[in-house]
Amino acid sequence: MPTLDKLRKARAAAGAAYAAAASAYVAAAVELSAYDGACSNASIGGEPTPRFNRPPEVLAHPDFLPPAAAAALTSPNITGPVVQARLDALLVSAKGGLGRSIILG
């Protein structure tokens, strides 16, 4: 039977894993959003592609991903420009180094 000390250590490890997974989830959502935009971009022959209809969301945890950190991680003010920068890079690559995308609504 685990002792309270072992349970606390396991909780800390689970909390750290949760925070890392939340960050990885947001990064993957940003990457997928950029690829959605690139595949939808008519300037490279793309066609309408299903995409997210809102920014990624994560649940805050008071000890391991406090509300301010969770909000910052998923803020459209952060994720939007990151998606746009990644989309621009994908389109420049697809066009052979020419051009810039137009933000997708």
PDB file of N, CA and C in Angstrom:
ATOM      1  N   MET A   1       0.850  -1.175   0.000  1.00  0.00           N
ATOM      2  CA  MET A   1       0.000   0.000   0.000  1.00  0.00           C
ATOM      3  C   MET A   1       0.900   1.244   0.000  1.00  0.00           C
ATOM      4  N   PRO A   2       0.625   2.197  -0.905  1.00  0.00           N
ATOM      5  CA  PRO A   2       1.470   3.388  -0.968  1.00  0.00           C
ATOM      6  C   PRO A   2       1.320   4.269   0.269  1.00  0.00           C
ATOM      7  N   THR A   3       2.407   4.866   0.634  1.00  0.00           N
ATOM      8  CA  THR A   3       2.363   5.813   1.745  1.00  0.00           C
ATOM      9  C   THR A   3       1.908   7.170   1.214  1.00  0.00           C
ATOM     10  N   LEU A   4       1.536   8.060   2.117  1.00  0.00           N
ATOM     11  CA  LEU A   4       1.110   9.397   1.723  1.00  0.00           C
ATOM     12  C   LEU A   4       2.224  10.118   0.973  1.00  0.00           C
ATOM     13  N   ASP A   5       3.459   9.935   1.403  1.00  0.00           N
ATOM     14  CA  ASP A   5       4.585  10.568   0.717  1.00  0.00           C
ATOM     15  C   ASP A   5       4.693  10.074  -0.725  1.00  0.00           C
ATOM     16  N   LYS A   6       4.536   8.775  -0.934  1.00  0.00           N
ATOM     17  CA  LYS A   6       4.587   8.223  -2.290  1.00  0.00           C
ATOM     18  C   LYS A   6       3.427   8.735  -3.128  1.00  0.00           C
ATOM     19  N   LEU A   7       2.254   8.851  -2.529  1.00  0.00           N
ATOM     20  CA  LEU A   7       1.101   9.381  -3.256  1.00  0.00           C
ATOM     21  C   LEU A   7       1.327  10.840  -3.670  1.00  0.00           C
ATOM     22  N   ARG A   8       1.928  11.610  -2.780  1.00  0.00           N
ATOM     23  CA  ARG A   8       2.217  13.010  -3.114  1.00  0.00           C
ATOM     24  C   ARG A   8       3.231  13.113  -4.249  1.00  0.00           C
ATOM     25  N   LYS A   9       4.241  12.269  -4.227  1.00  0.00           N
ATOM     26  CA  LYS A   9       5.235  12.268  -5.306  1.00  0.00           C
ATOM     27  C   LYS A   9       4.593  11.837  -6.626  1.00  0.00           C
ATOM     28  N   ALA A  10       3.732  10.849  -6.566  1.00  0.00           N
ATOM     29  CA  ALA A  10       3.046  10.393  -7.780  1.00  0.00           C
ATOM     30  C   ALA A  10       2.103  11.487  -8.301  1.00  0.00           C
ATOM     31  N   ARG A  11       1.460  12.202  -7.385  1.00  0.00           N
ATOM     32  CA  ARG A  11       0.589  13.318  -7.780  1.00  0.00           C
ATOM     33  C   ARG A  11       1.401  14.398  -8.481  1.00  0.00           C
ATOM     34  N   ALA A  12       2.565  14.721  -7.940  1.00  0.00           N
ATOM     35  CA  ALA A  12       3.426  15.730  -8.553  1.00  0.00           C
ATOM     36  C   ALA A  12       3.859  15.294  -9.953  1.00  0.00           C
ATOM     37  N   ALA A  13       4.188  14.025 -10.100  1.00  0.00           N
ATOM     38  CA  ALA A  13       4.584  13.511 -11.415  1.00  0.00           C
ATOM     39  C   ALA A  13       3.409  13.561 -12.391  1.00  0.00           C
ATOM     40  N   ALA A  14       2.228  13.190 -11.914  1.00  0.00           N
ATOM     41  CA  ALA A  14       1.038  13.251 -12.770  1.00  0.00           C
ATOM     42  C   ALA A  14       0.720  14.692 -13.153  1.00  0.00           C
ATOM     43  N   GLY A  15       0.881  15.609 -12.218  1.00  0.00           N
ATOM     44  CA  GLY A  15       0.635  17.024 -12.509  1.00  0.00           C
ATOM     45  C   GLY A  15       1.608  17.570 -13.534  1.00  0.00           C
ATOM     46  N   ALA A  16       2.872  17.219 -13.410  1.00  0.00           N
ATOM     47  CA  ALA A  16       3.874  17.654 -14.384  1.00  0.00           C
ATOM     48  C   ALA A  16       3.572  17.069 -15.760  1.00  0.00           C
ATOM     49  N   ALA A  17       3.158  15.811 -15.775  1.00  0.00           N
ATOM     50  CA  ALA A  17       2.802  15.170 -17.043  1.00  0.00           C
ATOM     51  C   ALA A  17       1.582  15.853 -17.660  1.00  0.00           C
ATOM     52  N   TYR A  18       0.620  16.238 -16.835  1.00  0.00           N
ATOM     53  CA  TYR A  18      -0.568  16.935 -17.329  1.00  0.00           C
ATOM     54  C   TYR A  18      -0.182  18.269 -17.955  1.00  0.00           C
ATOM     55  N   ALA A  19       0.638  19.045 -17.285  1.00  0.00           N
ATOM     56  CA  ALA A  19       1.047  20.346 -17.807  1.00  0.00           C
ATOM     57  C   ALA A  19       1.803  20.179 -19.131  1.00  0.00           C
ATOM     58  N   ALA A  20       2.668  19.186 -19.203  1.00  0.00           N
ATOM     59  CA  ALA A  20       3.412  18.931 -20.442  1.00  0.00           C
ATOM     60  C   ALA A  20       2.470  18.489 -21.556  1.00  0.00           C
ATOM     61  N   ALA A  21       1.507  17.645 -21.231  1.00  0.00           N
ATOM     62  CA  ALA A  21       0.547  17.176 -22.233  1.00  0.00           C
ATOM     63  C   ALA A  21      -0.335  18.327 -22.725  1.00  0.00           C
ATOM     64  N   ALA A  22      -0.724  19.220 -21.828  1.00  0.00           N
ATOM     65  CA  ALA A  22      -1.534  20.376 -22.229  1.00  0.00           C
ATOM     66  C   ALA A  22      -0.753  21.239 -23.216  1.00  0.00           C
ATOM     67  N   SER A  23       0.507  21.458 -22.940  1.00  0.00           N
ATOM     68  CA  SER A  23       1.350  22.240 -23.836  1.00  0.00           C
ATOM     69  C   SER A  23       1.515  21.547 -25.186  1.00  0.00           C
ATOM     70  N   ALA A  24       1.723  20.235 -25.167  1.00  0.00           N
ATOM     71  CA  ALA A  24       1.869  19.470 -26.406  1.00  0.00           C
ATOM     72  C   ALA A  24       0.572  19.474 -27.209  1.00  0.00           C
ATOM     73  N   TYR A  25      -0.565  19.392 -26.533  1.00  0.00           N
ATOM     74  CA  TYR A  25      -1.870  19.437 -27.198  1.00  0.00           C
ATOM     75  C   TYR A  25      -2.057  20.768 -27.922  1.00  0.00           C
ATOM     76  N   VAL A  26      -1.746  21.864 -27.249  1.00  0.00           N
ATOM     77  CA  VAL A  26      -1.893  23.180 -27.880  1.00  0.00           C
ATOM     78  C   VAL A  26      -0.938  23.302 -29.067  1.00  0.00           C
ATOM     79  N   ALA A  27       0.289  22.842 -28.914  1.00  0.00           N
ATOM     80  CA  ALA A  27       1.247  22.895 -30.019  1.00  0.00           C
ATOM     81  C   ALA A  27       0.750  22.082 -31.215  1.00  0.00           C
ATOM     82  N   ALA A  28       0.175  20.916 -30.955  1.00  0.00           N
ATOM     83  CA  ALA A  28      -0.356  20.080 -32.038  1.00  0.00           C
ATOM     84  C   ALA A  28      -1.564  20.745 -32.694  1.00  0.00           C
ATOM     85  N   ALA A  29      -2.417  21.389 -31.908  1.00  0.00           N
ATOM     86  CA  ALA A  29      -3.575  22.086 -32.465  1.00  0.00           C
ATOM     87  C   ALA A  29      -3.140  23.256 -33.338  1.00  0.00           C
ATOM     88  N   VAL A  30      -2.121  23.968 -32.906  1.00  0.00           N
ATOM     89  CA  VAL A  30      -1.577  25.077 -33.706  1.00  0.00           C
ATOM     90  C   VAL A  30      -1.023  24.540 -35.021  1.00  0.00           C
ATOM     91  N   GLU A  31      -0.270  23.475 -34.956  1.00  0.00           N
ATOM     92  CA  GLU A  31       0.316  22.873 -36.158  1.00  0.00           C
ATOM     93  C   GLU A  31      -0.776  22.401 -37.116  1.00  0.00           C
ATOM     94  N   LEU A  32      -1.780  21.714 -36.583  1.00  0.00           N
ATOM     95  CA  LEU A  32      -2.877  21.240 -37.423  1.00  0.00           C
ATOM     96  C   LEU A  32      -3.643  22.407 -38.033  1.00  0.00           C
ATOM     97  N   SER A  33      -3.855  23.467 -37.273  1.00  0.00           N
ATOM     98  CA  SER A  33      -4.538  24.653 -37.799  1.00  0.00           C
ATOM     99  C   SER A  33      -3.773  25.252 -38.977  1.00  0.00           C
ATOM    100  N   ALA A  34      -2.458  25.308 -38.862  1.00  0.00           N
ATOM    101  CA  ALA A  34      -1.643  25.836 -39.954  1.00  0.00           C
ATOM    102  C   ALA A  34      -1.747  24.951 -41.191  1.00  0.00           C
ATOM    103  N   TYR A  35      -1.702  23.638 -41.006  1.00  0.00           N
ATOM    104  CA  TYR A  35      -1.841  22.736 -42.147  1.00  0.00           C
ATOM    105  C   TYR A  35      -3.240  22.817 -42.751  1.00  0.00           C
ATOM    106  N   ASP A  36      -4.271  22.965 -41.913  1.00  0.00           N
ATOM    107  CA  ASP A  36      -5.633  23.168 -42.431  1.00  0.00           C
ATOM    108  C   ASP A  36      -5.670  24.395 -43.330  1.00  0.00           C
ATOM    109  N   GLY A  37      -5.078  25.483 -42.852  1.00  0.00           N
ATOM    110  CA  GLY A  37      -5.057  26.713 -43.633  1.00  0.00           C
ATOM    111  C   GLY A  37      -4.280  26.564 -44.930  1.00  0.00           C
ATOM    112  N   ALA A  38      -3.153  25.890 -44.871  1.00  0.00           N
ATOM    113  CA  ALA A  38      -2.347  25.701 -46.075  1.00  0.00           C
ATOM    114  C   ALA A  38      -3.089  24.853 -47.104  1.00  0.00           C
ATOM    115  N   CYS A  39      -3.713  23.785 -46.653  1.00  0.00           N
ATOM    116  CA  CYS A  39      -4.439  22.907 -47.577  1.00  0.00           C
ATOM    117  C   CYS A  39      -5.675  23.579 -48.148  1.00  0.00           C
ATOM    118  N   SER A  40      -6.163  24.622 -47.484  1.00  0.00           N
ATOM    119  CA  SER A  40      -7.330  25.371 -47.951  1.00  0.00           C
ATOM    120  C   SER A  40      -6.952  26.561 -48.821  1.00  0.00           C
ATOM    121  N   ASN A  41      -5.687  26.875 -48.933  1.00  0.00           N
ATOM    122  CA  ASN A  41      -5.263  28.092 -49.602  1.00  0.00           C
ATOM    123  C   ASN A  41      -5.308  27.930 -51.117  1.00  0.00           C
ATOM    124  N   ALA A  42      -6.148  28.733 -51.758  1.00  0.00           N
ATOM    125  CA  ALA A  42      -6.344  28.642 -53.204  1.00  0.00           C
ATOM    126  C   ALA A  42      -5.078  28.999 -53.989  1.00  0.00           C
ATOM    127  N   SER A  43      -4.192  29.792 -53.410  1.00  0.00           N
ATOM    128  CA  SER A  43      -2.996  30.214 -54.154  1.00  0.00           C
ATOM    129  C   SER A  43      -2.047  29.058 -54.443  1.00  0.00           C
ATOM    130  N   ILE A  44      -2.228  27.944 -53.753  1.00  0.00           N
ATOM    131  CA  ILE A  44      -1.402  26.762 -54.041  1.00  0.00           C
ATOM    132  C   ILE A  44      -2.269  25.602 -54.524  1.00  0.00           C
ATOM    133  N   GLY A  45      -3.506  25.937 -54.923  1.00  0.00           N
ATOM    134  CA  GLY A  45      -4.406  24.913 -55.442  1.00  0.00           C
ATOM    135  C   GLY A  45      -5.207  24.190 -54.380  1.00  0.00           C
ATOM    136  N   GLY A  46      -5.201  24.722 -53.167  1.00  0.00           N
ATOM    137  CA  GLY A  46      -5.948  24.087 -52.085  1.00  0.00           C
ATOM    138  C   GLY A  46      -7.447  24.232 -52.249  1.00  0.00           C
ATOM    139  N   GLU A  47      -8.162  23.422 -51.535  1.00  0.00           N
ATOM    140  CA  GLU A  47      -9.625  23.431 -51.527  1.00  0.00           C
ATOM    141  C   GLU A  47     -10.092  23.541 -50.093  1.00  0.00           C
ATOM    142  N   PRO A  48     -11.347  23.942 -49.871  1.00  0.00           N
ATOM    143  CA  PRO A  48     -11.839  24.055 -48.496  1.00  0.00           C
ATOM    144  C   PRO A  48     -11.559  22.779 -47.698  1.00  0.00           C
ATOM    145  N   THR A  49     -11.002  22.987 -46.523  1.00  0.00           N
ATOM    146  CA  THR A  49     -10.604  21.889 -45.655  1.00  0.00           C
ATOM    147  C   THR A  49     -11.248  22.088 -44.290  1.00  0.00           C
ATOM    148  N   PRO A  50     -11.835  21.048 -43.704  1.00  0.00           N
ATOM    149  CA  PRO A  50     -12.404  21.209 -42.359  1.00  0.00           C
ATOM    150  C   PRO A  50     -11.340  21.706 -41.390  1.00  0.00           C
ATOM    151  N   ARG A  51     -11.763  22.512 -40.436  1.00  0.00           N
ATOM    152  CA  ARG A  51     -10.822  23.070 -39.467  1.00  0.00           C
ATOM    153  C   ARG A  51     -11.513  23.322 -38.150  1.00  0.00           C
ATOM    154  N   PHE A  52     -10.697  23.655 -37.137  1.00  0.00           N
ATOM    155  CA  PHE A  52     -11.238  24.004 -35.828  1.00  0.00           C
ATOM    156  C   PHE A  52     -12.089  25.264 -35.948  1.00  0.00           C
ATOM    157  N   ASN A  53     -13.089  25.375 -35.077  1.00  0.00           N
ATOM    158  CA  ASN A  53     -13.911  26.582 -35.078  1.00  0.00           C
ATOM    159  C   ASN A  53     -13.650  27.469 -33.863  1.00  0.00           C
ATOM    160  N   ARG A  54     -12.630  27.120 -33.089  1.00  0.00           N
ATOM    161  CA  ARG A  54     -12.226  27.950 -31.946  1.00  0.00           C
ATOM    162  C   ARG A  54     -10.823  27.524 -31.510  1.00  0.00           C
ATOM    163  N   PRO A  55     -10.178  28.377 -30.716  1.00  0.00           N
ATOM    164  CA  PRO A  55      -8.839  28.024 -30.233  1.00  0.00           C
ATOM    165  C   PRO A  55      -8.880  26.789 -29.321  1.00  0.00           C
ATOM    166  N   PRO A  56      -7.756  26.112 -29.155  1.00  0.00           N
ATOM    167  CA  PRO A  56      -7.719  24.967 -28.249  1.00  0.00           C
ATOM    168  C   PRO A  56      -8.006  25.404 -26.813  1.00  0.00           C
ATOM    169  N   GLU A  57      -8.546  24.497 -26.044  1.00  0.00           N
ATOM    170  CA  GLU A  57      -8.857  24.762 -24.641  1.00  0.00           C
ATOM    171  C   GLU A  57      -8.208  23.695 -23.773  1.00  0.00           C
ATOM    172  N   VAL A  58      -7.744  24.095 -22.619  1.00  0.00           N
ATOM    173  CA  VAL A  58      -7.225  23.145 -21.635  1.00  0.00           C
ATOM    174  C   VAL A  58      -7.833  23.479 -20.276  1.00  0.00           C
ATOM    175  N   LEU A  59      -7.956  22.484 -19.444  1.00  0.00           N
ATOM    176  CA  LEU A  59      -8.469  22.695 -18.093  1.00  0.00           C
ATOM    177  C   LEU A  59      -7.341  23.140 -17.170  1.00  0.00           C
ATOM    178  N   ALA A  60      -7.588  24.202 -16.457  1.00  0.00           N
ATOM    179  CA  ALA A  60      -6.601  24.675 -15.483  1.00  0.00           C
ATOM    180  C   ALA A  60      -6.578  23.742 -14.282  1.00  0.00           C
ATOM    181  N   HIS A  61      -5.460  23.708 -13.611  1.00  0.00           N
ATOM    182  CA  HIS A  61      -5.325  22.983 -12.345  1.00  0.00           C
ATOM    183  C   HIS A  61      -4.595  23.929 -11.396  1.00  0.00           C
ATOM    184  N   PRO A  62      -5.113  24.137 -10.196  1.00  0.00           N
ATOM    185  CA  PRO A  62      -4.522  25.136  -9.313  1.00  0.00           C
ATOM    186  C   PRO A  62      -3.049  24.914  -8.975  1.00  0.00           C
ATOM    187  N   ASP A  63      -2.594  23.684  -8.951  1.00  0.00           N
ATOM    188  CA  ASP A  63      -1.204  23.416  -8.600  1.00  0.00           C
ATOM    189  C   ASP A  63      -0.286  23.225  -9.807  1.00  0.00           C
ATOM    190  N   PHE A  64      -0.807  22.666 -10.878  1.00  0.00           N
ATOM    191  CA  PHE A  64       0.073  22.249 -11.964  1.00  0.00           C
ATOM    192  C   PHE A  64      -0.111  23.032 -13.267  1.00  0.00           C
ATOM    193  N   LEU A  65      -1.240  23.637 -13.453  1.00  0.00           N
ATOM    194  CA  LEU A  65      -1.483  24.497 -14.612  1.00  0.00           C
ATOM    195  C   LEU A  65      -2.490  25.555 -14.155  1.00  0.00           C
ATOM    196  N   PRO A  66      -2.000  26.539 -13.395  1.00  0.00           N
ATOM    197  CA  PRO A  66      -2.889  27.553 -12.837  1.00  0.00           C
ATOM    198  C   PRO A  66      -3.699  28.263 -13.929  1.00  0.00           C
ATOM    199  N   PRO A  67      -4.848  28.824 -13.550  1.00  0.00           N
ATOM    200  CA  PRO A  67      -5.710  29.461 -14.546  1.00  0.00           C
ATOM    201  C   PRO A  67      -4.996  30.467 -15.448  1.00  0.00           C
ATOM    202  N   ALA A  68      -4.126  31.282 -14.899  1.00  0.00           N
ATOM    203  CA  ALA A  68      -3.413  32.265 -15.728  1.00  0.00           C
ATOM    204  C   ALA A  68      -2.514  31.571 -16.754  1.00  0.00           C
ATOM    205  N   ALA A  69      -1.873  30.503 -16.345  1.00  0.00           N
ATOM    206  CA  ALA A  69      -1.008  29.764 -17.269  1.00  0.00           C
ATOM    207  C   ALA A  69      -1.827  29.060 -18.343  1.00  0.00           C
ATOM    208  N   ALA A  70      -2.948  28.460 -17.946  1.00  0.00           N
ATOM    209  CA  ALA A  70      -3.819  27.795 -18.918  1.00  0.00           C
ATOM    210  C   ALA A  70      -4.372  28.807 -19.912  1.00  0.00           C
ATOM    211  N   ALA A  71      -4.784  29.975 -19.421  1.00  0.00           N
ATOM    212  CA  ALA A  71      -5.319  31.013 -20.297  1.00  0.00           C
ATOM    213  C   ALA A  71      -4.251  31.528 -21.248  1.00  0.00           C
ATOM    214  N   ALA A  72      -3.047  31.720 -20.753  1.00  0.00           N
ATOM    215  CA  ALA A  72      -1.955  32.203 -21.606  1.00  0.00           C
ATOM    216  C   ALA A  72      -1.599  31.175 -22.672  1.00  0.00           C
ATOM    217  N   LEU A  73      -1.628  29.907 -22.298  1.00  0.00           N
ATOM    218  CA  LEU A  73      -1.277  28.830 -23.222  1.00  0.00           C
ATOM    219  C   LEU A  73      -2.227  28.781 -24.408  1.00  0.00           C
ATOM    220  N   THR A  74      -3.491  29.099 -24.179  1.00  0.00           N
ATOM    221  CA  THR A  74      -4.511  28.954 -25.214  1.00  0.00           C
ATOM    222  C   THR A  74      -5.060  30.282 -25.722  1.00  0.00           C
ATOM    223  N   SER A  75      -4.470  31.378 -25.332  1.00  0.00           N
ATOM    224  CA  SER A  75      -4.967  32.693 -25.742  1.00  0.00           C
ATOM    225  C   SER A  75      -4.934  32.852 -27.257  1.00  0.00           C
ATOM    226  N   PRO A  76      -6.052  33.296 -27.853  1.00  0.00           N
ATOM    227  CA  PRO A  76      -6.041  33.564 -29.295  1.00  0.00           C
ATOM    228  C   PRO A  76      -5.012  34.629 -29.680  1.00  0.00           C
ATOM    229  N   ASN A  77      -4.667  35.510 -28.746  1.00  0.00           N
ATOM    230  CA  ASN A  77      -3.643  36.524 -29.020  1.00  0.00           C
ATOM    231  C   ASN A  77      -2.268  35.899 -29.194  1.00  0.00           C
ATOM    232  N   ILE A  78      -2.104  34.708 -28.656  1.00  0.00           N
ATOM    233  CA  ILE A  78      -0.839  33.982 -28.814  1.00  0.00           C
ATOM    234  C   ILE A  78      -0.968  32.938 -29.924  1.00  0.00           C
ATOM    235  N   THR A  79      -1.997  32.093 -29.832  1.00  0.00           N
ATOM    236  CA  THR A  79      -2.120  31.017 -30.815  1.00  0.00           C
ATOM    237  C   THR A  79      -2.373  31.540 -32.223  1.00  0.00           C
ATOM    238  N   GLY A  80      -3.141  32.615 -32.354  1.00  0.00           N
ATOM    239  CA  GLY A  80      -3.428  33.163 -33.686  1.00  0.00           C
ATOM    240  C   GLY A  80      -2.165  33.558 -34.437  1.00  0.00           C
ATOM    241  N   PRO A  81      -1.306  34.407 -33.853  1.00  0.00           N
ATOM    242  CA  PRO A  81      -0.069  34.768 -34.548  1.00  0.00           C
ATOM    243  C   PRO A  81       0.869  33.582 -34.788  1.00  0.00           C
ATOM    244  N   VAL A  82       0.871  32.622 -33.877  1.00  0.00           N
ATOM    245  CA  VAL A  82       1.729  31.448 -34.066  1.00  0.00           C
ATOM    246  C   VAL A  82       1.216  30.616 -35.241  1.00  0.00           C
ATOM    247  N   VAL A  83      -0.111  30.433 -35.317  1.00  0.00           N
ATOM    248  CA  VAL A  83      -0.693  29.716 -36.461  1.00  0.00           C
ATOM    249  C   VAL A  83      -0.358  30.466 -37.752  1.00  0.00           C
ATOM    250  N   GLN A  84      -0.539  31.780 -37.745  1.00  0.00           N
ATOM    251  CA  GLN A  84      -0.282  32.567 -38.956  1.00  0.00           C
ATOM    252  C   GLN A  84       1.172  32.453 -39.398  1.00  0.00           C
ATOM    253  N   ALA A  85       2.091  32.526 -38.466  1.00  0.00           N
ATOM    254  CA  ALA A  85       3.506  32.415 -38.814  1.00  0.00           C
ATOM    255  C   ALA A  85       3.810  31.040 -39.410  1.00  0.00           C
ATOM    256  N   ARG A  86       3.253  30.004 -38.813  1.00  0.00           N
ATOM    257  CA  ARG A  86       3.485  28.645 -39.329  1.00  0.00           C
ATOM    258  C   ARG A  86       2.839  28.481 -40.695  1.00  0.00           C
ATOM    259  N   LEU A  87       1.618  29.015 -40.860  1.00  0.00           N
ATOM    260  CA  LEU A  87       0.930  28.958 -42.150  1.00  0.00           C
ATOM    261  C   LEU A  87       1.754  29.673 -43.212  1.00  0.00           C
ATOM    262  N   ASP A  88       2.257  30.860 -42.888  1.00  0.00           N
ATOM    263  CA  ASP A  88       3.082  31.596 -43.841  1.00  0.00           C
ATOM    264  C   ASP A  88       4.294  30.768 -44.266  1.00  0.00           C
ATOM    265  N   ALA A  89       4.939  30.132 -43.301  1.00  0.00           N
ATOM    266  CA  ALA A  89       6.110  29.312 -43.618  1.00  0.00           C
ATOM    267  C   ALA A  89       5.737  28.135 -44.523  1.00  0.00           C
ATOM    268  N   LEU A  90       4.612  27.496 -44.253  1.00  0.00           N
ATOM    269  CA  LEU A  90       4.174  26.379 -45.093  1.00  0.00           C
ATOM    270  C   LEU A  90       3.875  26.843 -46.514  1.00  0.00           C
ATOM    271  N   LEU A  91       3.218  27.980 -46.646  1.00  0.00           N
ATOM    272  CA  LEU A  91       2.863  28.473 -47.974  1.00  0.00           C
ATOM    273  C   LEU A  91       4.091  28.938 -48.747  1.00  0.00           C
ATOM    274  N   VAL A  92       5.009  29.588 -48.058  1.00  0.00           N
ATOM    275  CA  VAL A  92       6.246  29.999 -48.727  1.00  0.00           C
ATOM    276  C   VAL A  92       6.978  28.756 -49.241  1.00  0.00           C
ATOM    277  N   SER A  93       7.020  27.726 -48.444  1.00  0.00           N
ATOM    278  CA  SER A  93       7.667  26.482 -48.852  1.00  0.00           C
ATOM    279  C   SER A  93       6.937  25.851 -50.041  1.00  0.00           C
ATOM    280  N   ALA A  94       5.602  25.826 -49.980  1.00  0.00           N
ATOM    281  CA  ALA A  94       4.817  25.217 -51.055  1.00  0.00           C
ATOM    282  C   ALA A  94       4.924  26.003 -52.353  1.00  0.00           C
ATOM    283  N   LYS A  95       5.134  27.310 -52.248  1.00  0.00           N
ATOM    284  CA  LYS A  95       5.256  28.159 -53.439  1.00  0.00           C
ATOM    285  C   LYS A  95       6.704  28.272 -53.910  1.00  0.00           C
ATOM    286  N   GLY A  96       7.578  27.536 -53.306  1.00  0.00           N
ATOM    287  CA  GLY A  96       8.979  27.596 -53.692  1.00  0.00           C
ATOM    288  C   GLY A  96       9.681  28.840 -53.196  1.00  0.00           C
ATOM    289  N   GLY A  97       9.231  29.350 -52.034  1.00  0.00           N
ATOM    290  CA  GLY A  97       9.890  30.501 -51.434  1.00  0.00           C
ATOM    291  C   GLY A  97       9.276  31.844 -51.779  1.00  0.00           C
ATOM    292  N   LEU A  98       8.140  31.871 -52.461  1.00  0.00           N
ATOM    293  CA  LEU A  98       7.516  33.137 -52.861  1.00  0.00           C
ATOM    294  C   LEU A  98       6.194  33.346 -52.131  1.00  0.00           C
ATOM    295  N   GLY A  99       5.911  34.587 -51.751  1.00  0.00           N
ATOM    296  CA  GLY A  99       4.591  34.954 -51.289  1.00  0.00           C
ATOM    297  C   GLY A  99       4.369  34.819 -49.810  1.00  0.00           C
ATOM    298  N   ARG A 100       3.220  35.330 -49.410  1.00  0.00           N
ATOM    299  CA  ARG A 100       2.765  35.301 -48.013  1.00  0.00           C
ATOM    300  C   ARG A 100       1.276  35.013 -48.015  1.00  0.00           C
ATOM    301  N   SER A 101       0.790  34.335 -47.003  1.00  0.00           N
ATOM    302  CA  SER A 101      -0.623  34.001 -46.945  1.00  0.00           C
ATOM    303  C   SER A 101      -1.461  35.198 -46.520  1.00  0.00           C
ATOM    304  N   ILE A 102      -2.733  35.035 -46.684  1.00  0.00           N
ATOM    305  CA  ILE A 102      -3.708  35.976 -46.140  1.00  0.00           C
ATOM    306  C   ILE A 102      -4.392  35.243 -44.997  1.00  0.00           C
ATOM    307  N   ILE A 103      -4.529  35.912 -43.864  1.00  0.00           N
ATOM    308  CA  ILE A 103      -5.132  35.246 -42.708  1.00  0.00           C
ATOM    309  C   ILE A 103      -6.487  34.666 -43.079  1.00  0.00           C
ATOM    310  N   LEU A 104      -6.738  33.483 -42.623  1.00  0.00           N
ATOM    311  CA  LEU A 104      -7.995  32.805 -42.922  1.00  0.00           C
ATOM    312  C   LEU A 104      -8.994  33.042 -41.814  1.00  0.00           C
ATOM    313  N   GLY A 105     -10.194  33.370 -42.166  1.00  0.00           N
ATOM    314  CA  GLY A 105     -11.228  33.649 -41.169  1.00  0.00           C
ATOM    315  C   GLY A 105     -11.940  32.439 -40.696  1.00  0.00           C
TER     316      GLY A 105
END
